[in-house]
PDB file of N, CA and C in Angstrom:
ATOM      1  N   MET A   1       0.851  -1.172   0.000  1.00  0.00           N
ATOM      2  CA  MET A   1       0.000   0.000   0.000  1.00  0.00           C
ATOM      3  C   MET A   1       0.891   1.227   0.000  1.00  0.00           C
ATOM      4  N   SER A   2       0.718   2.048  -0.973  1.00  0.00           N
ATOM      5  CA  SER A   2       1.460   3.303  -1.043  1.00  0.00           C
ATOM      6  C   SER A   2       0.571   4.434  -0.563  1.00  0.00           C
ATOM      7  N   LEU A   3       1.157   5.297   0.225  1.00  0.00           N
ATOM      8  CA  LEU A   3       0.423   6.461   0.709  1.00  0.00           C
ATOM      9  C   LEU A   3       0.774   7.670  -0.141  1.00  0.00           C
ATOM     10  N   THR A   4      -0.191   8.530  -0.336  1.00  0.00           N
ATOM     11  CA  THR A   4       0.067   9.791  -1.020  1.00  0.00           C
ATOM     12  C   THR A   4       0.875  10.683  -0.079  1.00  0.00           C
ATOM     13  N   PRO A   5       1.504  11.732  -0.587  1.00  0.00           N
ATOM     14  CA  PRO A   5       2.217  12.651   0.307  1.00  0.00           C
ATOM     15  C   PRO A   5       1.315  13.211   1.413  1.00  0.00           C
ATOM     16  N   ALA A   6       0.081  13.509   1.086  1.00  0.00           N
ATOM     17  CA  ALA A   6      -0.849  14.027   2.104  1.00  0.00           C
ATOM     18  C   ALA A   6      -1.136  12.967   3.168  1.00  0.00           C
ATOM     19  N   GLN A   7      -1.284  11.714   2.756  1.00  0.00           N
ATOM     20  CA  GLN A   7      -1.520  10.638   3.711  1.00  0.00           C
ATOM     21  C   GLN A   7      -0.301  10.392   4.593  1.00  0.00           C
ATOM     22  N   VAL A   8       0.885  10.487   4.013  1.00  0.00           N
ATOM     23  CA  VAL A   8       2.115  10.337   4.797  1.00  0.00           C
ATOM     24  C   VAL A   8       2.166  11.413   5.871  1.00  0.00           C
ATOM     25  N   HIS A   9       1.922  12.647   5.482  1.00  0.00           N
ATOM     26  CA  HIS A   9       1.941  13.764   6.429  1.00  0.00           C
ATOM     27  C   HIS A   9       0.903  13.543   7.535  1.00  0.00           C
ATOM     28  N   ALA A  10      -0.308  13.169   7.153  1.00  0.00           N
ATOM     29  CA  ALA A  10      -1.379  12.953   8.130  1.00  0.00           C
ATOM     30  C   ALA A  10      -1.057  11.789   9.059  1.00  0.00           C
ATOM     31  N   THR A  11      -0.540  10.702   8.514  1.00  0.00           N
ATOM     32  CA  THR A  11      -0.240   9.526   9.330  1.00  0.00           C
ATOM     33  C   THR A  11       0.859   9.819  10.340  1.00  0.00           C
ATOM     34  N   LYS A  12       1.882  10.536   9.930  1.00  0.00           N
ATOM     35  CA  LYS A  12       2.937  10.934  10.873  1.00  0.00           C
ATOM     36  C   LYS A  12       2.340  11.753  12.010  1.00  0.00           C
ATOM     37  N   ALA A  13       1.496  12.706  11.666  1.00  0.00           N
ATOM     38  CA  ALA A  13       0.874  13.562  12.680  1.00  0.00           C
ATOM     39  C   ALA A  13      -0.026  12.742  13.603  1.00  0.00           C
ATOM     40  N   GLU A  14      -0.794  11.828  13.052  1.00  0.00           N
ATOM     41  CA  GLU A  14      -1.708  11.011  13.857  1.00  0.00           C
ATOM     42  C   GLU A  14      -0.943  10.102  14.815  1.00  0.00           C
ATOM     43  N   LEU A  15       0.139   9.506  14.346  1.00  0.00           N
ATOM     44  CA  LEU A  15       0.962   8.680  15.234  1.00  0.00           C
ATOM     45  C   LEU A  15       1.549   9.523  16.359  1.00  0.00           C
ATOM     46  N   GLN A  16       2.097  10.684  16.017  1.00  0.00           N
ATOM     47  CA  GLN A  16       2.695  11.572  17.025  1.00  0.00           C
ATOM     48  C   GLN A  16       1.648  12.047  18.033  1.00  0.00           C
ATOM     49  N   GLN A  17       0.477  12.438  17.550  1.00  0.00           N
ATOM     50  CA  GLN A  17      -0.571  12.936  18.438  1.00  0.00           C
ATOM     51  C   GLN A  17      -1.051  11.848  19.387  1.00  0.00           C
ATOM     52  N   ASN A  18      -1.220  10.649  18.880  1.00  0.00           N
ATOM     53  CA  ASN A  18      -1.656   9.555  19.741  1.00  0.00           C
ATOM     54  C   ASN A  18      -0.579   9.163  20.740  1.00  0.00           C
ATOM     55  N   LEU A  19       0.675   9.200  20.325  1.00  0.00           N
ATOM     56  CA  LEU A  19       1.763   8.956  21.268  1.00  0.00           C
ATOM     57  C   LEU A  19       1.731  10.001  22.377  1.00  0.00           C
ATOM     58  N   ALA A  20       1.590  11.257  22.014  1.00  0.00           N
ATOM     59  CA  ALA A  20       1.541  12.331  23.013  1.00  0.00           C
ATOM     60  C   ALA A  20       0.376  12.132  23.977  1.00  0.00           C
ATOM     61  N   LEU A  21      -0.759  11.693  23.468  1.00  0.00           N
ATOM     62  CA  LEU A  21      -1.924  11.463  24.328  1.00  0.00           C
ATOM     63  C   LEU A  21      -1.667  10.395  25.383  1.00  0.00           C
ATOM     64  N   THR A  22      -0.846   9.398  25.057  1.00  0.00           N
ATOM     65  CA  THR A  22      -0.563   8.337  26.032  1.00  0.00           C
ATOM     66  C   THR A  22       0.246   8.859  27.208  1.00  0.00           C
ATOM     67  N   GLY A  23       1.032   9.906  26.968  1.00  0.00           N
ATOM     68  CA  GLY A  23       1.918  10.409  28.006  1.00  0.00           C
ATOM     69  C   GLY A  23       3.217   9.633  28.106  1.00  0.00           C
ATOM     70  N   TYR A  24       3.428   8.695  27.221  1.00  0.00           N
ATOM     71  CA  TYR A  24       4.627   7.870  27.242  1.00  0.00           C
ATOM     72  C   TYR A  24       5.722   8.468  26.368  1.00  0.00           C
ATOM     73  N   THR A  25       6.945   8.155  26.719  1.00  0.00           N
ATOM     74  CA  THR A  25       8.087   8.534  25.891  1.00  0.00           C
ATOM     75  C   THR A  25       8.320   7.442  24.847  1.00  0.00           C
ATOM     76  N   THR A  26       9.122   7.773  23.859  1.00  0.00           N
ATOM     77  CA  THR A  26       9.457   6.745  22.868  1.00  0.00           C
ATOM     78  C   THR A  26      10.229   5.602  23.525  1.00  0.00           C
ATOM     79  N   ALA A  27      11.003   5.906  24.546  1.00  0.00           N
ATOM     80  CA  ALA A  27      11.740   4.856  25.256  1.00  0.00           C
ATOM     81  C   ALA A  27      10.776   3.906  25.967  1.00  0.00           C
ATOM     82  N   GLU A  28       9.728   4.441  26.569  1.00  0.00           N
ATOM     83  CA  GLU A  28       8.745   3.593  27.254  1.00  0.00           C
ATOM     84  C   GLU A  28       7.979   2.721  26.257  1.00  0.00           C
ATOM     85  N   VAL A  29       7.620   3.300  25.141  1.00  0.00           N
ATOM     86  CA  VAL A  29       6.925   2.534  24.103  1.00  0.00           C
ATOM     87  C   VAL A  29       7.859   1.464  23.542  1.00  0.00           C
ATOM     88  N   ALA A  30       9.103   1.821  23.331  1.00  0.00           N
ATOM     89  CA  ALA A  30      10.082   0.860  22.816  1.00  0.00           C
ATOM     90  C   ALA A  30      10.220  -0.333  23.757  1.00  0.00           C
ATOM     91  N   THR A  31      10.284  -0.074  25.038  1.00  0.00           N
ATOM     92  CA  THR A  31      10.385  -1.159  26.015  1.00  0.00           C
ATOM     93  C   THR A  31       9.158  -2.059  25.939  1.00  0.00           C
ATOM     94  N   ALA A  32       7.986  -1.450  25.883  1.00  0.00           N
ATOM     95  CA  ALA A  32       6.744  -2.229  25.818  1.00  0.00           C
ATOM     96  C   ALA A  32       6.674  -3.085  24.558  1.00  0.00           C
ATOM     97  N   LEU A  33       7.223  -2.582  23.465  1.00  0.00           N
ATOM     98  CA  LEU A  33       7.159  -3.291  22.185  1.00  0.00           C
ATOM     99  C   LEU A  33       8.443  -4.061  21.861  1.00  0.00           C
ATOM    100  N   GLN A  34       9.326  -4.157  22.851  1.00  0.00           N
ATOM    101  CA  GLN A  34      10.562  -4.938  22.728  1.00  0.00           C
ATOM    102  C   GLN A  34      11.412  -4.492  21.543  1.00  0.00           C
ATOM    103  N   THR A  35      11.651  -3.192  21.482  1.00  0.00           N
ATOM    104  CA  THR A  35      12.483  -2.632  20.426  1.00  0.00           C
ATOM    105  C   THR A  35      13.284  -1.473  21.001  1.00  0.00           C
ATOM    106  N   THR A  36      13.820  -0.645  20.147  1.00  0.00           N
ATOM    107  CA  THR A  36      14.627   0.493  20.581  1.00  0.00           C
ATOM    108  C   THR A  36      13.884   1.799  20.335  1.00  0.00           C
ATOM    109  N   PRO A  37      14.240   2.851  21.073  1.00  0.00           N
ATOM    110  CA  PRO A  37      13.656   4.166  20.789  1.00  0.00           C
ATOM    111  C   PRO A  37      13.939   4.621  19.358  1.00  0.00           C
ATOM    112  N   GLU A  38      15.098   4.256  18.837  1.00  0.00           N
ATOM    113  CA  GLU A  38      15.439   4.624  17.465  1.00  0.00           C
ATOM    114  C   GLU A  38      14.461   3.996  16.464  1.00  0.00           C
ATOM    115  N   ASN A  39      14.077   2.759  16.719  1.00  0.00           N
ATOM    116  CA  ASN A  39      13.114   2.102  15.838  1.00  0.00           C
ATOM    117  C   ASN A  39      11.747   2.776  15.931  1.00  0.00           C
ATOM    118  N   ILE A  40      11.332   3.135  17.132  1.00  0.00           N
ATOM    119  CA  ILE A  40      10.052   3.844  17.296  1.00  0.00           C
ATOM    120  C   ILE A  40      10.107   5.175  16.556  1.00  0.00           C
ATOM    121  N   ASN A  41      11.210   5.896  16.682  1.00  0.00           N
ATOM    122  CA  ASN A  41      11.347   7.173  15.967  1.00  0.00           C
ATOM    123  C   ASN A  41      11.311   6.976  14.455  1.00  0.00           C
ATOM    124  N   ALA A  42      11.921   5.912  13.967  1.00  0.00           N
ATOM    125  CA  ALA A  42      11.883   5.624  12.529  1.00  0.00           C
ATOM    126  C   ALA A  42      10.456   5.335  12.072  1.00  0.00           C
ATOM    127  N   ILE A  43       9.717   4.614  12.880  1.00  0.00           N
ATOM    128  CA  ILE A  43       8.321   4.316  12.539  1.00  0.00           C
ATOM    129  C   ILE A  43       7.488   5.589  12.573  1.00  0.00           C
ATOM    130  N   LEU A  44       7.704   6.429  13.580  1.00  0.00           N
ATOM    131  CA  LEU A  44       6.979   7.704  13.657  1.00  0.00           C
ATOM    132  C   LEU A  44       7.252   8.576  12.437  1.00  0.00           C
ATOM    133  N   ALA A  45       8.439   8.448  11.874  1.00  0.00           N
ATOM    134  CA  ALA A  45       8.807   9.202  10.666  1.00  0.00           C
ATOM    135  C   ALA A  45       8.395   8.460   9.391  1.00  0.00           C
ATOM    136  N   LEU A  46       7.722   7.317   9.572  1.00  0.00           N
ATOM    137  CA  LEU A  46       7.300   6.440   8.472  1.00  0.00           C
ATOM    138  C   LEU A  46       8.472   5.957   7.622  1.00  0.00           C
ATOM    139  N   HIS A  47       9.519   5.541   8.354  1.00  0.00           N
ATOM    140  CA  HIS A  47      10.656   4.858   7.740  1.00  0.00           C
ATOM    141  C   HIS A  47      10.833   3.513   8.450  1.00  0.00           C
ATOM    142  N   PRO A  48       9.798   2.668   8.386  1.00  0.00           N
ATOM    143  CA  PRO A  48       9.852   1.400   9.122  1.00  0.00           C
ATOM    144  C   PRO A  48      10.719   0.362   8.424  1.00  0.00           C
ATOM    145  N   ARG A  49      11.122  -0.626   9.196  1.00  0.00           N
ATOM    146  CA  ARG A  49      11.851  -1.764   8.623  1.00  0.00           C
ATOM    147  C   ARG A  49      10.905  -2.644   7.812  1.00  0.00           C
ATOM    148  N   ARG A  50       9.691  -2.782   8.321  1.00  0.00           N
ATOM    149  CA  ARG A  50       8.671  -3.607   7.662  1.00  0.00           C
ATOM    150  C   ARG A  50       7.403  -2.783   7.503  1.00  0.00           C
ATOM    151  N   ILE A  51       6.631  -3.092   6.486  1.00  0.00           N
ATOM    152  CA  ILE A  51       5.395  -2.366   6.222  1.00  0.00           C
ATOM    153  C   ILE A  51       4.399  -2.503   7.385  1.00  0.00           C
ATOM    154  N   GLU A  52       4.516  -3.572   8.149  1.00  0.00           N
ATOM    155  CA  GLU A  52       3.599  -3.805   9.269  1.00  0.00           C
ATOM    156  C   GLU A  52       3.929  -2.971  10.505  1.00  0.00           C
ATOM    157  N   ASP A  53       5.141  -2.443  10.584  1.00  0.00           N
ATOM    158  CA  ASP A  53       5.569  -1.756  11.807  1.00  0.00           C
ATOM    159  C   ASP A  53       4.670  -0.589  12.220  1.00  0.00           C
ATOM    160  N   PRO A  54       4.243   0.281  11.306  1.00  0.00           N
ATOM    161  CA  PRO A  54       3.319   1.339  11.735  1.00  0.00           C
ATOM    162  C   PRO A  54       1.998   0.787  12.280  1.00  0.00           C
ATOM    163  N   TRP A  55       1.578  -0.348  11.757  1.00  0.00           N
ATOM    164  CA  TRP A  55       0.346  -0.963  12.247  1.00  0.00           C
ATOM    165  C   TRP A  55       0.527  -1.501  13.663  1.00  0.00           C
ATOM    166  N   ILE A  56       1.694  -2.039  13.966  1.00  0.00           N
ATOM    167  CA  ILE A  56       1.963  -2.498  15.333  1.00  0.00           C
ATOM    168  C   ILE A  56       1.926  -1.313  16.283  1.00  0.00           C
ATOM    169  N   LEU A  57       2.584  -0.229  15.907  1.00  0.00           N
ATOM    170  CA  LEU A  57       2.577   0.960  16.755  1.00  0.00           C
ATOM    171  C   LEU A  57       1.161   1.502  16.886  1.00  0.00           C
ATOM    172  N   ARG A  58       0.415   1.553  15.800  1.00  0.00           N
ATOM    173  CA  ARG A  58      -0.973   2.021  15.827  1.00  0.00           C
ATOM    174  C   ARG A  58      -1.793   1.199  16.817  1.00  0.00           C
ATOM    175  N   GLN A  59      -1.711  -0.125  16.700  1.00  0.00           N
ATOM    176  CA  GLN A  59      -2.476  -0.998  17.586  1.00  0.00           C
ATOM    177  C   GLN A  59      -2.102  -0.769  19.049  1.00  0.00           C
ATOM    178  N   TYR A  60      -0.808  -0.641  19.312  1.00  0.00           N
ATOM    179  CA  TYR A  60      -0.346  -0.405  20.678  1.00  0.00           C
ATOM    180  C   TYR A  60      -0.909   0.912  21.218  1.00  0.00           C
ATOM    181  N   LEU A  61      -0.813   1.966  20.419  1.00  0.00           N
ATOM    182  CA  LEU A  61      -1.302   3.270  20.863  1.00  0.00           C
ATOM    183  C   LEU A  61      -2.803   3.242  21.111  1.00  0.00           C
ATOM    184  N   LEU A  62      -3.556   2.639  20.214  1.00  0.00           N
ATOM    185  CA  LEU A  62      -5.008   2.578  20.384  1.00  0.00           C
ATOM    186  C   LEU A  62      -5.393   1.794  21.632  1.00  0.00           C
ATOM    187  N   LYS A  63      -4.769   0.643  21.841  1.00  0.00           N
ATOM    188  CA  LYS A  63      -5.068  -0.163  23.032  1.00  0.00           C
ATOM    189  C   LYS A  63      -4.696   0.583  24.305  1.00  0.00           C
ATOM    190  N   THR A  64      -3.556   1.254  24.280  1.00  0.00           N
ATOM    191  CA  THR A  64      -3.117   2.007  25.450  1.00  0.00           C
ATOM    192  C   THR A  64      -4.097   3.123  25.769  1.00  0.00           C
ATOM    193  N   LEU A  65      -4.511   3.858  24.771  1.00  0.00           N
ATOM    194  CA  LEU A  65      -5.441   4.965  24.992  1.00  0.00           C
ATOM    195  C   LEU A  65      -6.792   4.470  25.492  1.00  0.00           C
ATOM    196  N   VAL A  66      -7.255   3.342  25.004  1.00  0.00           N
ATOM    197  CA  VAL A  66      -8.516   2.774  25.493  1.00  0.00           C
ATOM    198  C   VAL A  66      -8.392   2.431  26.973  1.00  0.00           C
ATOM    199  N   THR A  67      -7.271   1.811  27.369  1.00  0.00           N
ATOM    200  CA  THR A  67      -7.099   1.461  28.784  1.00  0.00           C
ATOM    201  C   THR A  67      -6.946   2.695  29.658  1.00  0.00           C
ATOM    202  N   GLN A  68      -6.472   3.794  29.071  1.00  0.00           N
ATOM    203  CA  GLN A  68      -6.346   5.056  29.802  1.00  0.00           C
ATOM    204  C   GLN A  68      -7.644   5.869  29.764  1.00  0.00           C
ATOM    205  N   HIS A  69      -8.665   5.328  29.121  1.00  0.00           N
ATOM    206  CA  HIS A  69      -9.962   6.006  28.970  1.00  0.00           C
ATOM    207  C   HIS A  69      -9.812   7.345  28.262  1.00  0.00           C
ATOM    208  N   LYS A  70      -8.965   7.353  27.232  1.00  0.00           N
ATOM    209  CA  LYS A  70      -8.751   8.559  26.429  1.00  0.00           C
ATOM    210  C   LYS A  70      -9.223   8.304  25.008  1.00  0.00           C
ATOM    211  N   GLN A  71      -9.676   9.361  24.366  1.00  0.00           N
ATOM    212  CA  GLN A  71     -10.146   9.275  22.982  1.00  0.00           C
ATOM    213  C   GLN A  71      -8.964   9.439  22.031  1.00  0.00           C
ATOM    214  N   PRO A  72      -8.656   8.417  21.240  1.00  0.00           N
ATOM    215  CA  PRO A  72      -7.538   8.546  20.301  1.00  0.00           C
ATOM    216  C   PRO A  72      -7.864   9.491  19.150  1.00  0.00           C
ATOM    217  N   VAL A  73      -6.817  10.049  18.583  1.00  0.00           N
ATOM    218  CA  VAL A  73      -6.949  10.802  17.343  1.00  0.00           C
ATOM    219  C   VAL A  73      -7.202   9.764  16.251  1.00  0.00           C
ATOM    220  N   PRO A  74      -8.256   9.926  15.459  1.00  0.00           N
ATOM    221  CA  PRO A  74      -8.550   8.927  14.425  1.00  0.00           C
ATOM    222  C   PRO A  74      -7.452   8.861  13.357  1.00  0.00           C
ATOM    223  N   PHE A  75      -7.211   7.668  12.881  1.00  0.00           N
ATOM    224  CA  PHE A  75      -6.274   7.469  11.780  1.00  0.00           C
ATOM    225  C   PHE A  75      -7.041   7.565  10.465  1.00  0.00           C
ATOM    226  N   THR A  76      -6.458   8.252   9.502  1.00  0.00           N
ATOM    227  CA  THR A  76      -7.136   8.444   8.222  1.00  0.00           C
ATOM    228  C   THR A  76      -6.621   7.520   7.125  1.00  0.00           C
ATOM    229  N   ALA A  77      -5.411   7.014   7.252  1.00  0.00           N
ATOM    230  CA  ALA A  77      -4.876   6.080   6.257  1.00  0.00           C
ATOM    231  C   ALA A  77      -4.744   4.671   6.836  1.00  0.00           C
ATOM    232  N   LEU A  78      -4.298   4.570   8.068  1.00  0.00           N
ATOM    233  CA  LEU A  78      -4.170   3.262   8.722  1.00  0.00           C
ATOM    234  C   LEU A  78      -5.516   2.930   9.355  1.00  0.00           C
ATOM    235  N   THR A  79      -6.463   2.553   8.512  1.00  0.00           N
ATOM    236  CA  THR A  79      -7.831   2.338   8.978  1.00  0.00           C
ATOM    237  C   THR A  79      -8.258   0.897   8.763  1.00  0.00           C
ATOM    238  N   GLY A  80      -9.302   0.537   9.457  1.00  0.00           N
ATOM    239  CA  GLY A  80      -9.892  -0.777   9.275  1.00  0.00           C
ATOM    240  C   GLY A  80      -9.140  -1.872  10.000  1.00  0.00           C
ATOM    241  N   ASP A  81      -9.510  -3.078   9.680  1.00  0.00           N
ATOM    242  CA  ASP A  81      -8.942  -4.269  10.293  1.00  0.00           C
ATOM    243  C   ASP A  81      -7.745  -4.737   9.465  1.00  0.00           C
ATOM    244  N   TYR A  82      -6.587  -4.743  10.093  1.00  0.00           N
ATOM    245  CA  TYR A  82      -5.374  -5.122   9.359  1.00  0.00           C
ATOM    246  C   TYR A  82      -5.448  -6.547   8.816  1.00  0.00           C
ATOM    247  N   HIS A  83      -6.290  -7.384   9.380  1.00  0.00           N
ATOM    248  CA  HIS A  83      -6.448  -8.750   8.870  1.00  0.00           C
ATOM    249  C   HIS A  83      -7.005  -8.762   7.443  1.00  0.00           C
ATOM    250  N   GLN A  84      -7.670  -7.692   7.064  1.00  0.00           N
ATOM    251  CA  GLN A  84      -8.324  -7.633   5.758  1.00  0.00           C
ATOM    252  C   GLN A  84      -7.400  -7.162   4.636  1.00  0.00           C
ATOM    253  N   TYR A  85      -6.204  -6.724   4.987  1.00  0.00           N
ATOM    254  CA  TYR A  85      -5.263  -6.246   3.971  1.00  0.00           C
ATOM    255  C   TYR A  85      -4.339  -7.388   3.566  1.00  0.00           C
ATOM    256  N   TRP A  86      -4.467  -7.849   2.324  1.00  0.00           N
ATOM    257  CA  TRP A  86      -3.722  -9.016   1.858  1.00  0.00           C
ATOM    258  C   TRP A  86      -2.216  -8.819   1.922  1.00  0.00           C
ATOM    259  N   PHE A  87      -1.756  -7.588   1.844  1.00  0.00           N
ATOM    260  CA  PHE A  87      -0.317  -7.322   1.782  1.00  0.00           C
ATOM    261  C   PHE A  87       0.331  -7.218   3.162  1.00  0.00           C
ATOM    262  N   LEU A  88      -0.473  -7.286   4.225  1.00  0.00           N
ATOM    263  CA  LEU A  88       0.071  -7.225   5.582  1.00  0.00           C
ATOM    264  C   LEU A  88       0.147  -8.623   6.179  1.00  0.00           C
ATOM    265  N   ASP A  89       1.178  -8.857   6.967  1.00  0.00           N
ATOM    266  CA  ASP A  89       1.328 -10.113   7.701  1.00  0.00           C
ATOM    267  C   ASP A  89       0.594  -9.947   9.034  1.00  0.00           C
ATOM    268  N   ALA A  90      -0.653 -10.393   9.063  1.00  0.00           N
ATOM    269  CA  ALA A  90      -1.500 -10.208  10.244  1.00  0.00           C
ATOM    270  C   ALA A  90      -0.925 -10.904  11.471  1.00  0.00           C
ATOM    271  N   ASP A  91      -0.304 -12.058  11.289  1.00  0.00           N
ATOM    272  CA  ASP A  91       0.287 -12.771  12.425  1.00  0.00           C
ATOM    273  C   ASP A  91       1.430 -11.970  13.040  1.00  0.00           C
ATOM    274  N   TYR A  92       2.220 -11.328  12.200  1.00  0.00           N
ATOM    275  CA  TYR A  92       3.322 -10.496  12.695  1.00  0.00           C
ATOM    276  C   TYR A  92       2.770  -9.318  13.496  1.00  0.00           C
ATOM    277  N   ILE A  93       1.740  -8.671  12.994  1.00  0.00           N
ATOM    278  CA  ILE A  93       1.137  -7.536  13.700  1.00  0.00           C
ATOM    279  C   ILE A  93       0.541  -7.999  15.023  1.00  0.00           C
ATOM    280  N   ALA A  94      -0.124  -9.136  15.019  1.00  0.00           N
ATOM    281  CA  ALA A  94      -0.787  -9.644  16.219  1.00  0.00           C
ATOM    282  C   ALA A  94       0.188  -9.941  17.353  1.00  0.00           C
ATOM    283  N   GLN A  95       1.464 -10.165  17.036  1.00  0.00           N
ATOM    284  CA  GLN A  95       2.460 -10.415  18.086  1.00  0.00           C
ATOM    285  C   GLN A  95       2.630  -9.212  19.005  1.00  0.00           C
ATOM    286  N   GLN A  96       2.347  -8.026  18.476  1.00  0.00           N
ATOM    287  CA  GLN A  96       2.465  -6.769  19.201  1.00  0.00           C
ATOM    288  C   GLN A  96       3.871  -6.510  19.740  1.00  0.00           C
ATOM    289  N   HIS A  97       4.854  -6.902  18.987  1.00  0.00           N
ATOM    290  CA  HIS A  97       6.240  -6.510  19.253  1.00  0.00           C
ATOM    291  C   HIS A  97       7.010  -6.684  17.959  1.00  0.00           C
ATOM    292  N   PHE A  98       8.198  -6.147  17.940  1.00  0.00           N
ATOM    293  CA  PHE A  98       8.988  -6.159  16.719  1.00  0.00           C
ATOM    294  C   PHE A  98      10.006  -7.281  16.751  1.00  0.00           C
ATOM    295  N   ALA A  99      10.166  -7.954  15.609  1.00  0.00           N
ATOM    296  CA  ALA A  99      11.113  -9.073  15.517  1.00  0.00           C
ATOM    297  C   ALA A  99      12.537  -8.563  15.507  1.00  0.00           C
TER     298      ALA A  99
END
């Protein structure tokens, strides 16, 4: 799935806004997802190692915000059920950590 420049800009902003809403640092998120802060920063900049990485971060942020009883900023490009996208490895995303 290729994003348009506008979608890239929006997705970066949505990831950053949702991260800010959690109150967590990139280091805290990295620990939770068994990766490094550098990898989280790369994903936030939409330079992931794998196409699924932004979806893992998205899922983590959404679940965290729900448990914090906070309303997430809606995603405009990373939408729907990732299981329905043939080009994504749903099992990899479901692990909720980075290989």
